[in-house]
Amino acid sequence: MNKQVIKKIFFCDFDETFFPNDLNLEKSGVYELGAYIKKNAREKNFLFGIVSGSRFGSILEKINTNHIFLPNFISSDLGTELYLLNDQKYHLDEDYNSDNKKRFNIQHIFDMVEDFNNSHSNLIQIQSDKFQSSNKVSYYLRHSENFSNHELALKSIAKKLSIKVSITKCNPMAGDPEGFYDVDFIPLGSGKDFIVKYIKNKYNGHPYTIAFGDSFNDFDMFSVVDEAYLVANSHPDAIDVGRSFKNIKILENEYCIGILDIVRRKL
């Protein structure tokens, strides 16, 4: 993958950014984006990849079922796993954050979150199995008047376990419950921001980086790229916050229609 001199790398969230859950794919622009990338990738020396909170199997199933083009890489489970495309097949990058992942103990997280719940009237609830993995434990935290204190308590759990926790406002457009926050415990050295840094460091030419997203869990990724874009269908609260960042712009179009506008312009 890194033999070619890469000038630009595009990092794209999956659900509700690249892939619409309630919109006809034909109207989303994903097939037009795929055709453009296939036609220009080798000549233009760029990569286009997915960075998502979803599981790898779920992402790949949606891509294959709908005959969508294969991105150059897929980072799943909130930037804790990385799969690289080679000869039309994806291979797990075993080197990515391997030491920290070995120290990630799911049972210790369960135990400490249970203690938190016993002291805070069961404010936090485990998400369904489809959002869990060997390197990510995900909960929903109900918003309350003492949210700041609860956030500090969960961050304290992560610190004690020498892991990382991401706490971001849920996106109901992606199927999340209204009025809740995503709480994701992951290994240190993982996350959407670390994926960007890791892939960028695989190339000696200091590639220019551009990211696309739709919600608050994309902001870590946005913080480490040269340019960041929220698609027009993003969560309204994310758009409001995004306007306060210099490197974040709001696209005029939704999903891959907006993404393709930028890809064409940047190449």
C-alpha atoms as a PDB file:
ATOM      1  CA  MET A   1       0.000   0.000   0.000  1.00  0.00           C
ATOM      2  CA  ASN A   2       2.772   2.480   0.787  1.00  0.00           C
ATOM      3  CA  LYS A   3       4.971   1.908  -2.287  1.00  0.00           C
ATOM      4  CA  GLN A   4       3.058   4.536  -4.234  1.00  0.00           C
ATOM      5  CA  VAL A   5       3.735   8.217  -3.550  1.00  0.00           C
ATOM      6  CA  ILE A   6       0.494   9.477  -2.057  1.00  0.00           C
ATOM      7  CA  LYS A   7      -0.281  13.182  -2.265  1.00  0.00           C
ATOM      8  CA  LYS A   8      -3.729  13.306  -0.643  1.00  0.00           C
ATOM      9  CA  ILE A   9      -5.701  11.078   1.719  1.00  0.00           C
ATOM     10  CA  PHE A  10      -9.452  11.352   2.234  1.00  0.00           C
ATOM     11  CA  PHE A  11     -10.857  10.023   5.526  1.00  0.00           C
ATOM     12  CA  CYS A  12     -14.619   9.483   5.589  1.00  0.00           C
ATOM     13  CA  ASP A  13     -17.077   8.478   8.286  1.00  0.00           C
ATOM     14  CA  PHE A  14     -19.444   5.714   7.173  1.00  0.00           C
ATOM     15  CA  ASP A  15     -23.021   5.796   8.535  1.00  0.00           C
ATOM     16  CA  GLU A  16     -24.949   8.942   7.586  1.00  0.00           C
ATOM     17  CA  THR A  17     -21.870  10.456   5.913  1.00  0.00           C
ATOM     18  CA  PHE A  18     -20.839   7.972   3.227  1.00  0.00           C
ATOM     19  CA  PHE A  19     -23.732   5.524   3.583  1.00  0.00           C
ATOM     20  CA  PRO A  20     -27.343   6.716   4.107  1.00  0.00           C
ATOM     21  CA  ASN A  21     -29.530   4.417   6.179  1.00  0.00           C
ATOM     22  CA  ASP A  22     -32.887   5.833   5.042  1.00  0.00           C
ATOM     23  CA  LEU A  23     -32.149   7.249   1.599  1.00  0.00           C
ATOM     24  CA  ASN A  24     -32.079   5.521  -1.773  1.00  0.00           C
ATOM     25  CA  LEU A  25     -28.398   4.925  -2.562  1.00  0.00           C
ATOM     26  CA  GLU A  26     -28.922   6.123  -6.114  1.00  0.00           C
ATOM     27  CA  LYS A  27     -29.783   9.557  -4.738  1.00  0.00           C
ATOM     28  CA  SER A  28     -26.863   9.678  -2.283  1.00  0.00           C
ATOM     29  CA  GLY A  29     -24.121  10.029  -4.896  1.00  0.00           C
ATOM     30  CA  VAL A  30     -22.154   7.009  -3.645  1.00  0.00           C
ATOM     31  CA  TYR A  31     -22.006   5.347  -7.072  1.00  0.00           C
ATOM     32  CA  GLU A  32     -20.872   8.552  -8.774  1.00  0.00           C
ATOM     33  CA  LEU A  33     -18.189   8.979  -6.117  1.00  0.00           C
ATOM     34  CA  GLY A  34     -17.036   5.396  -6.653  1.00  0.00           C
ATOM     35  CA  ALA A  35     -16.826   5.826 -10.419  1.00  0.00           C
ATOM     36  CA  TYR A  36     -14.760   8.996 -10.047  1.00  0.00           C
ATOM     37  CA  ILE A  37     -12.372   7.420  -7.541  1.00  0.00           C
ATOM     38  CA  LYS A  38     -11.859   4.300  -9.666  1.00  0.00           C
ATOM     39  CA  LYS A  39     -11.105   6.432 -12.714  1.00  0.00           C
ATOM     40  CA  ASN A  40      -8.651   8.793 -11.021  1.00  0.00           C
ATOM     41  CA  ALA A  41      -7.028   7.079  -8.018  1.00  0.00           C
ATOM     42  CA  ARG A  42      -3.867   5.765  -9.685  1.00  0.00           C
ATOM     43  CA  GLU A  43      -3.246   8.819 -11.840  1.00  0.00           C
ATOM     44  CA  LYS A  44      -3.963  11.377  -9.103  1.00  0.00           C
ATOM     45  CA  ASN A  45      -2.038   9.539  -6.333  1.00  0.00           C
ATOM     46  CA  PHE A  46      -4.613   9.695  -3.564  1.00  0.00           C
ATOM     47  CA  LEU A  47      -6.343   7.322  -1.150  1.00  0.00           C
ATOM     48  CA  PHE A  48      -9.948   7.252   0.017  1.00  0.00           C
ATOM     49  CA  GLY A  49     -10.825   5.340   3.167  1.00  0.00           C
ATOM     50  CA  ILE A  50     -13.499   4.810   5.803  1.00  0.00           C
ATOM     51  CA  VAL A  51     -13.100   5.658   9.499  1.00  0.00           C
ATOM     52  CA  SER A  52     -16.154   4.494  11.428  1.00  0.00           C
ATOM     53  CA  GLY A  53     -17.551   3.556  14.811  1.00  0.00           C
ATOM     54  CA  SER A  54     -19.268   0.527  13.262  1.00  0.00           C
ATOM     55  CA  ARG A  55     -17.887  -2.986  13.129  1.00  0.00           C
ATOM     56  CA  PHE A  56     -15.843  -4.045  10.121  1.00  0.00           C
ATOM     57  CA  GLY A  57     -18.209  -6.878   9.188  1.00  0.00           C
ATOM     58  CA  SER A  58     -21.208  -4.553   9.181  1.00  0.00           C
ATOM     59  CA  ILE A  59     -19.434  -1.993   6.984  1.00  0.00           C
ATOM     60  CA  LEU A  60     -18.186  -4.582   4.507  1.00  0.00           C
ATOM     61  CA  GLU A  61     -21.598  -6.267   4.285  1.00  0.00           C
ATOM     62  CA  LYS A  62     -23.257  -2.963   3.330  1.00  0.00           C
ATOM     63  CA  ILE A  63     -20.530  -2.261   0.777  1.00  0.00           C
ATOM     64  CA  ASN A  64     -20.712  -5.710  -0.836  1.00  0.00           C
ATOM     65  CA  THR A  65     -24.496  -6.054  -0.726  1.00  0.00           C
ATOM     66  CA  ASN A  66     -24.967  -2.724  -2.465  1.00  0.00           C
ATOM     67  CA  HIS A  67     -22.084  -3.179  -4.933  1.00  0.00           C
ATOM     68  CA  ILE A  68     -20.250  -0.102  -3.665  1.00  0.00           C
ATOM     69  CA  PHE A  69     -16.605   0.468  -4.591  1.00  0.00           C
ATOM     70  CA  LEU A  70     -13.969  -0.837  -2.161  1.00  0.00           C
ATOM     71  CA  PRO A  71     -12.225   1.982  -0.234  1.00  0.00           C
ATOM     72  CA  ASN A  72      -8.431   1.764   0.105  1.00  0.00           C
ATOM     73  CA  PHE A  73      -8.753   1.172   3.847  1.00  0.00           C
ATOM     74  CA  ILE A  74     -11.439   0.668   6.475  1.00  0.00           C
ATOM     75  CA  SER A  75     -10.913   1.619  10.098  1.00  0.00           C
ATOM     76  CA  SER A  76     -13.688   0.185  12.219  1.00  0.00           C
ATOM     77  CA  ASP A  77     -14.843   0.211  15.854  1.00  0.00           C
ATOM     78  CA  LEU A  78     -14.065   3.894  16.400  1.00  0.00           C
ATOM     79  CA  GLY A  79     -10.532   3.743  15.081  1.00  0.00           C
ATOM     80  CA  THR A  80      -9.435   0.658  17.017  1.00  0.00           C
ATOM     81  CA  GLU A  81      -9.039  -1.651  14.004  1.00  0.00           C
ATOM     82  CA  LEU A  82      -7.506  -1.013  10.588  1.00  0.00           C
ATOM     83  CA  TYR A  83      -8.007  -3.085   7.445  1.00  0.00           C
ATOM     84  CA  LEU A  84      -5.985  -2.362   4.309  1.00  0.00           C
ATOM     85  CA  LEU A  85      -7.095  -3.255   0.788  1.00  0.00           C
ATOM     86  CA  ASN A  86      -4.678  -5.403  -1.196  1.00  0.00           C
ATOM     87  CA  ASP A  87      -5.591  -7.378  -4.349  1.00  0.00           C
ATOM     88  CA  GLN A  88      -9.287  -6.630  -3.754  1.00  0.00           C
ATOM     89  CA  LYS A  89      -9.211  -8.153  -0.264  1.00  0.00           C
ATOM     90  CA  TYR A  90      -8.971  -6.535   3.158  1.00  0.00           C
ATOM     91  CA  HIS A  91      -6.215  -7.535   5.560  1.00  0.00           C
ATOM     92  CA  LEU A  92      -6.006  -6.584   9.238  1.00  0.00           C
ATOM     93  CA  ASP A  93      -3.055  -4.338  10.042  1.00  0.00           C
ATOM     94  CA  GLU A  94      -1.611  -6.298  12.960  1.00  0.00           C
ATOM     95  CA  ASP A  95       0.905  -3.584  13.816  1.00  0.00           C
ATOM     96  CA  TYR A  96      -1.609  -0.837  14.531  1.00  0.00           C
ATOM     97  CA  ASN A  97      -1.587  -0.087  18.285  1.00  0.00           C
ATOM     98  CA  SER A  98      -0.912  -3.754  19.097  1.00  0.00           C
ATOM     99  CA  ASP A  99       0.662  -3.222  22.546  1.00  0.00           C
ATOM    100  CA  ASN A 100      -2.177  -1.109  23.957  1.00  0.00           C
ATOM    101  CA  LYS A 101      -4.818  -3.483  22.604  1.00  0.00           C
ATOM    102  CA  LYS A 102      -3.190  -6.384  24.447  1.00  0.00           C
ATOM    103  CA  ARG A 103      -3.708  -4.517  27.737  1.00  0.00           C
ATOM    104  CA  PHE A 104      -7.402  -3.754  27.082  1.00  0.00           C
ATOM    105  CA  ASN A 105      -9.446  -5.698  29.663  1.00  0.00           C
ATOM    106  CA  ILE A 106     -13.188  -5.721  29.005  1.00  0.00           C
ATOM    107  CA  GLN A 107     -14.145  -7.351  32.308  1.00  0.00           C
ATOM    108  CA  HIS A 108     -12.424  -4.585  34.281  1.00  0.00           C
ATOM    109  CA  ILE A 109     -14.543  -2.039  32.379  1.00  0.00           C
ATOM    110  CA  PHE A 110     -17.757  -3.957  33.118  1.00  0.00           C
ATOM    111  CA  ASP A 111     -16.905  -4.098  36.823  1.00  0.00           C
ATOM    112  CA  MET A 112     -16.122  -0.401  37.185  1.00  0.00           C
ATOM    113  CA  VAL A 113     -19.122   0.751  35.134  1.00  0.00           C
ATOM    114  CA  GLU A 114     -21.356  -1.463  37.286  1.00  0.00           C
ATOM    115  CA  ASP A 115     -20.012   0.315  40.369  1.00  0.00           C
ATOM    116  CA  PHE A 116     -20.725   3.657  38.665  1.00  0.00           C
ATOM    117  CA  ASN A 117     -24.310   2.590  37.928  1.00  0.00           C
ATOM    118  CA  ASN A 118     -24.894   1.428  41.484  1.00  0.00           C
ATOM    119  CA  SER A 119     -23.961   4.917  42.668  1.00  0.00           C
ATOM    120  CA  HIS A 120     -25.800   6.852  39.955  1.00  0.00           C
ATOM    121  CA  SER A 121     -29.249   5.260  39.571  1.00  0.00           C
ATOM    122  CA  ASN A 122     -28.368   3.233  36.469  1.00  0.00           C
ATOM    123  CA  LEU A 123     -27.668   6.284  34.313  1.00  0.00           C
ATOM    124  CA  ILE A 124     -25.567   4.260  31.878  1.00  0.00           C
ATOM    125  CA  GLN A 125     -26.703   1.268  29.816  1.00  0.00           C
ATOM    126  CA  ILE A 126     -24.785  -1.116  27.609  1.00  0.00           C
ATOM    127  CA  GLN A 127     -25.348  -0.821  23.858  1.00  0.00           C
ATOM    128  CA  SER A 128     -26.347  -3.827  21.762  1.00  0.00           C
ATOM    129  CA  ASP A 129     -23.806  -6.453  20.727  1.00  0.00           C
ATOM    130  CA  LYS A 130     -23.517  -5.029  17.210  1.00  0.00           C
ATOM    131  CA  PHE A 131     -21.734  -1.988  18.699  1.00  0.00           C
ATOM    132  CA  GLN A 132     -19.265  -4.014  20.795  1.00  0.00           C
ATOM    133  CA  SER A 133     -15.919  -5.525  19.840  1.00  0.00           C
ATOM    134  CA  SER A 134     -12.800  -6.953  21.435  1.00  0.00           C
ATOM    135  CA  ASN A 135     -11.340  -3.422  21.470  1.00  0.00           C
ATOM    136  CA  LYS A 136     -14.421  -1.293  22.161  1.00  0.00           C
ATOM    137  CA  VAL A 137     -17.035  -1.307  24.908  1.00  0.00           C
ATOM    138  CA  SER A 138     -19.946   1.042  24.216  1.00  0.00           C
ATOM    139  CA  TYR A 139     -22.653   2.442  26.486  1.00  0.00           C
ATOM    140  CA  TYR A 140     -25.411   5.052  26.363  1.00  0.00           C
ATOM    141  CA  LEU A 141     -25.312   7.723  29.052  1.00  0.00           C
ATOM    142  CA  ARG A 142     -28.568   9.537  29.763  1.00  0.00           C
ATOM    143  CA  HIS A 143     -28.213  13.321  29.945  1.00  0.00           C
ATOM    144  CA  SER A 144     -28.961  14.798  33.355  1.00  0.00           C
ATOM    145  CA  GLU A 145     -28.416  17.949  35.427  1.00  0.00           C
ATOM    146  CA  ASN A 146     -25.187  16.482  36.815  1.00  0.00           C
ATOM    147  CA  PHE A 147     -23.840  15.444  33.419  1.00  0.00           C
ATOM    148  CA  SER A 148     -20.465  17.180  33.926  1.00  0.00           C
ATOM    149  CA  ASN A 149     -19.854  15.234  37.139  1.00  0.00           C
ATOM    150  CA  HIS A 150     -20.862  11.969  35.509  1.00  0.00           C
ATOM    151  CA  GLU A 151     -18.529  12.694  32.608  1.00  0.00           C
ATOM    152  CA  LEU A 152     -15.654  13.283  35.031  1.00  0.00           C
ATOM    153  CA  ALA A 153     -16.433  10.025  36.842  1.00  0.00           C
ATOM    154  CA  LEU A 154     -16.317   8.026  33.597  1.00  0.00           C
ATOM    155  CA  LYS A 155     -13.065   9.705  32.587  1.00  0.00           C
ATOM    156  CA  SER A 156     -11.681   8.750  35.989  1.00  0.00           C
ATOM    157  CA  ILE A 157     -12.569   5.103  35.294  1.00  0.00           C
ATOM    158  CA  ALA A 158     -10.657   5.266  32.019  1.00  0.00           C
ATOM    159  CA  LYS A 159      -7.657   6.845  33.723  1.00  0.00           C
ATOM    160  CA  LYS A 160      -7.567   4.157  36.415  1.00  0.00           C
ATOM    161  CA  LEU A 161      -7.677   1.421  33.770  1.00  0.00           C
ATOM    162  CA  SER A 162      -5.114   3.179  31.520  1.00  0.00           C
ATOM    163  CA  ILE A 163      -7.545   3.269  28.623  1.00  0.00           C
ATOM    164  CA  LYS A 164      -9.330   5.982  26.641  1.00  0.00           C
ATOM    165  CA  VAL A 165     -12.985   7.011  26.814  1.00  0.00           C
ATOM    166  CA  SER A 166     -14.893   8.975  24.176  1.00  0.00           C
ATOM    167  CA  ILE A 167     -18.102  10.715  25.304  1.00  0.00           C
ATOM    168  CA  THR A 168     -20.055  12.354  22.483  1.00  0.00           C
ATOM    169  CA  LYS A 169     -23.652  13.415  21.895  1.00  0.00           C
ATOM    170  CA  CYS A 170     -25.708  10.737  20.148  1.00  0.00           C
ATOM    171  CA  ASN A 171     -26.981  11.196  16.611  1.00  0.00           C
ATOM    172  CA  PRO A 172     -30.656  10.117  16.367  1.00  0.00           C
ATOM    173  CA  MET A 173     -30.382  10.258  12.548  1.00  0.00           C
ATOM    174  CA  ALA A 174     -28.037   7.270  12.778  1.00  0.00           C
ATOM    175  CA  GLY A 175     -30.454   5.339  14.999  1.00  0.00           C
ATOM    176  CA  ASP A 176     -29.222   6.512  18.402  1.00  0.00           C
ATOM    177  CA  PRO A 177     -31.661   7.411  21.207  1.00  0.00           C
ATOM    178  CA  GLU A 178     -32.590  11.065  21.715  1.00  0.00           C
ATOM    179  CA  GLY A 179     -31.135  12.769  24.787  1.00  0.00           C
ATOM    180  CA  PHE A 180     -28.254  10.326  25.295  1.00  0.00           C
ATOM    181  CA  TYR A 181     -24.493  10.330  24.846  1.00  0.00           C
ATOM    182  CA  ASP A 182     -22.271   7.638  23.372  1.00  0.00           C
ATOM    183  CA  VAL A 183     -19.683   6.404  25.871  1.00  0.00           C
ATOM    184  CA  ASP A 184     -16.980   4.338  24.170  1.00  0.00           C
ATOM    185  CA  PHE A 185     -14.101   2.775  26.084  1.00  0.00           C
ATOM    186  CA  ILE A 186     -11.179   1.946  23.755  1.00  0.00           C
ATOM    187  CA  PRO A 187      -7.440   1.250  24.133  1.00  0.00           C
ATOM    188  CA  LEU A 188      -5.020   4.127  24.538  1.00  0.00           C
ATOM    189  CA  GLY A 189      -3.482   5.147  21.238  1.00  0.00           C
ATOM    190  CA  SER A 190      -6.733   4.374  19.397  1.00  0.00           C
ATOM    191  CA  GLY A 191      -9.470   6.538  17.942  1.00  0.00           C
ATOM    192  CA  LYS A 192     -10.348   8.322  14.731  1.00  0.00           C
ATOM    193  CA  ASP A 193      -7.572  10.860  15.345  1.00  0.00           C
ATOM    194  CA  PHE A 194      -4.921   8.173  15.842  1.00  0.00           C
ATOM    195  CA  ILE A 195      -5.977   6.393  12.645  1.00  0.00           C
ATOM    196  CA  VAL A 196      -5.361   9.582  10.677  1.00  0.00           C
ATOM    197  CA  LYS A 197      -1.911   9.988  12.230  1.00  0.00           C
ATOM    198  CA  TYR A 198      -1.010   6.329  11.703  1.00  0.00           C
ATOM    199  CA  ILE A 199      -2.012   6.184   8.037  1.00  0.00           C
ATOM    200  CA  LYS A 200      -0.419   9.561   7.325  1.00  0.00           C
ATOM    201  CA  ASN A 201       2.865   8.367   8.860  1.00  0.00           C
ATOM    202  CA  LYS A 202       2.947   5.371   6.512  1.00  0.00           C
ATOM    203  CA  TYR A 203       3.904   7.779   3.728  1.00  0.00           C
ATOM    204  CA  ASN A 204       7.072   9.833   3.482  1.00  0.00           C
ATOM    205  CA  GLY A 205       5.603  12.529   1.253  1.00  0.00           C
ATOM    206  CA  HIS A 206       3.543  14.194   4.001  1.00  0.00           C
ATOM    207  CA  PRO A 207       0.194  13.738   2.251  1.00  0.00           C
ATOM    208  CA  TYR A 208      -2.489  16.399   2.519  1.00  0.00           C
ATOM    209  CA  THR A 209      -5.403  15.136   4.605  1.00  0.00           C
ATOM    210  CA  ILE A 210      -9.133  15.809   4.236  1.00  0.00           C
ATOM    211  CA  ALA A 211     -11.954  14.366   6.371  1.00  0.00           C
ATOM    212  CA  PHE A 212     -15.733  14.068   6.103  1.00  0.00           C
ATOM    213  CA  GLY A 213     -18.223  13.428   8.884  1.00  0.00           C
ATOM    214  CA  ASP A 214     -21.698  14.091  10.230  1.00  0.00           C
ATOM    215  CA  SER A 215     -21.594  14.011  14.028  1.00  0.00           C
ATOM    216  CA  PHE A 216     -19.650  14.770  17.191  1.00  0.00           C
ATOM    217  CA  ASN A 217     -17.600  11.559  17.160  1.00  0.00           C
ATOM    218  CA  ASP A 218     -15.901  12.843  13.994  1.00  0.00           C
ATOM    219  CA  PHE A 219     -14.429  15.906  15.688  1.00  0.00           C
ATOM    220  CA  ASP A 220     -11.340  14.045  16.960  1.00  0.00           C
ATOM    221  CA  MET A 221     -10.605  13.113  13.341  1.00  0.00           C
ATOM    222  CA  PHE A 222     -11.258  16.692  12.245  1.00  0.00           C
ATOM    223  CA  SER A 223      -8.709  17.986  14.765  1.00  0.00           C
ATOM    224  CA  VAL A 224      -5.759  16.291  13.045  1.00  0.00           C
ATOM    225  CA  VAL A 225      -6.490  16.823   9.320  1.00  0.00           C
ATOM    226  CA  ASP A 226      -5.735  19.765   7.068  1.00  0.00           C
ATOM    227  CA  GLU A 227      -9.367  20.250   6.035  1.00  0.00           C
ATOM    228  CA  ALA A 228     -12.611  18.924   7.514  1.00  0.00           C
ATOM    229  CA  TYR A 229     -16.161  18.911   6.190  1.00  0.00           C
ATOM    230  CA  LEU A 230     -19.549  18.185   7.734  1.00  0.00           C
ATOM    231  CA  VAL A 231     -22.036  16.916   5.156  1.00  0.00           C
ATOM    232  CA  ALA A 232     -25.247  18.953   4.810  1.00  0.00           C
ATOM    233  CA  ASN A 233     -27.317  16.226   6.497  1.00  0.00           C
ATOM    234  CA  SER A 234     -25.187  16.352   9.670  1.00  0.00           C
ATOM    235  CA  HIS A 235     -26.713  16.608  13.124  1.00  0.00           C
ATOM    236  CA  PRO A 236     -27.776  20.274  13.595  1.00  0.00           C
ATOM    237  CA  ASP A 237     -25.895  20.545  16.889  1.00  0.00           C
ATOM    238  CA  ALA A 238     -22.717  19.278  15.231  1.00  0.00           C
ATOM    239  CA  ILE A 239     -23.117  21.882  12.500  1.00  0.00           C
ATOM    240  CA  ASP A 240     -23.527  24.660  15.091  1.00  0.00           C
ATOM    241  CA  VAL A 241     -20.357  23.601  16.903  1.00  0.00           C
ATOM    242  CA  GLY A 242     -18.481  22.966  13.659  1.00  0.00           C
ATOM    243  CA  ARG A 243     -18.941  26.568  12.558  1.00  0.00           C
ATOM    244  CA  SER A 244     -16.695  27.667  15.436  1.00  0.00           C
ATOM    245  CA  PHE A 245     -13.665  25.749  14.071  1.00  0.00           C
ATOM    246  CA  LYS A 246     -11.491  27.309  11.391  1.00  0.00           C
ATOM    247  CA  ASN A 247     -10.699  24.051   9.584  1.00  0.00           C
ATOM    248  CA  ILE A 248     -14.298  22.749   9.520  1.00  0.00           C
ATOM    249  CA  LYS A 249     -16.645  23.714   6.698  1.00  0.00           C
ATOM    250  CA  ILE A 250     -20.291  22.805   6.119  1.00  0.00           C
ATOM    251  CA  LEU A 251     -21.043  21.242   2.744  1.00  0.00           C
ATOM    252  CA  GLU A 252     -23.955  22.480   0.660  1.00  0.00           C
ATOM    253  CA  ASN A 253     -24.962  18.931  -0.342  1.00  0.00           C
ATOM    254  CA  GLU A 254     -25.763  15.739   1.527  1.00  0.00           C
ATOM    255  CA  TYR A 255     -23.874  12.459   1.740  1.00  0.00           C
ATOM    256  CA  CYS A 256     -21.591  11.519  -1.178  1.00  0.00           C
ATOM    257  CA  ILE A 257     -22.956  14.263  -3.407  1.00  0.00           C
ATOM    258  CA  GLY A 258     -21.258  16.783  -1.121  1.00  0.00           C
ATOM    259  CA  ILE A 259     -18.187  14.589  -0.696  1.00  0.00           C
ATOM    260  CA  LEU A 260     -17.734  14.212  -4.457  1.00  0.00           C
ATOM    261  CA  ASP A 261     -17.880  17.991  -4.883  1.00  0.00           C
ATOM    262  CA  ILE A 262     -14.819  18.338  -2.621  1.00  0.00           C
ATOM    263  CA  VAL A 263     -12.933  15.324  -4.022  1.00  0.00           C
ATOM    264  CA  ARG A 264     -13.241  16.742  -7.537  1.00  0.00           C
ATOM    265  CA  ARG A 265     -12.187  20.202  -6.389  1.00  0.00           C
ATOM    266  CA  LYS A 266      -9.149  18.955  -4.458  1.00  0.00           C
ATOM    267  CA  LEU A 267      -7.864  16.738  -7.247  1.00  0.00           C
END
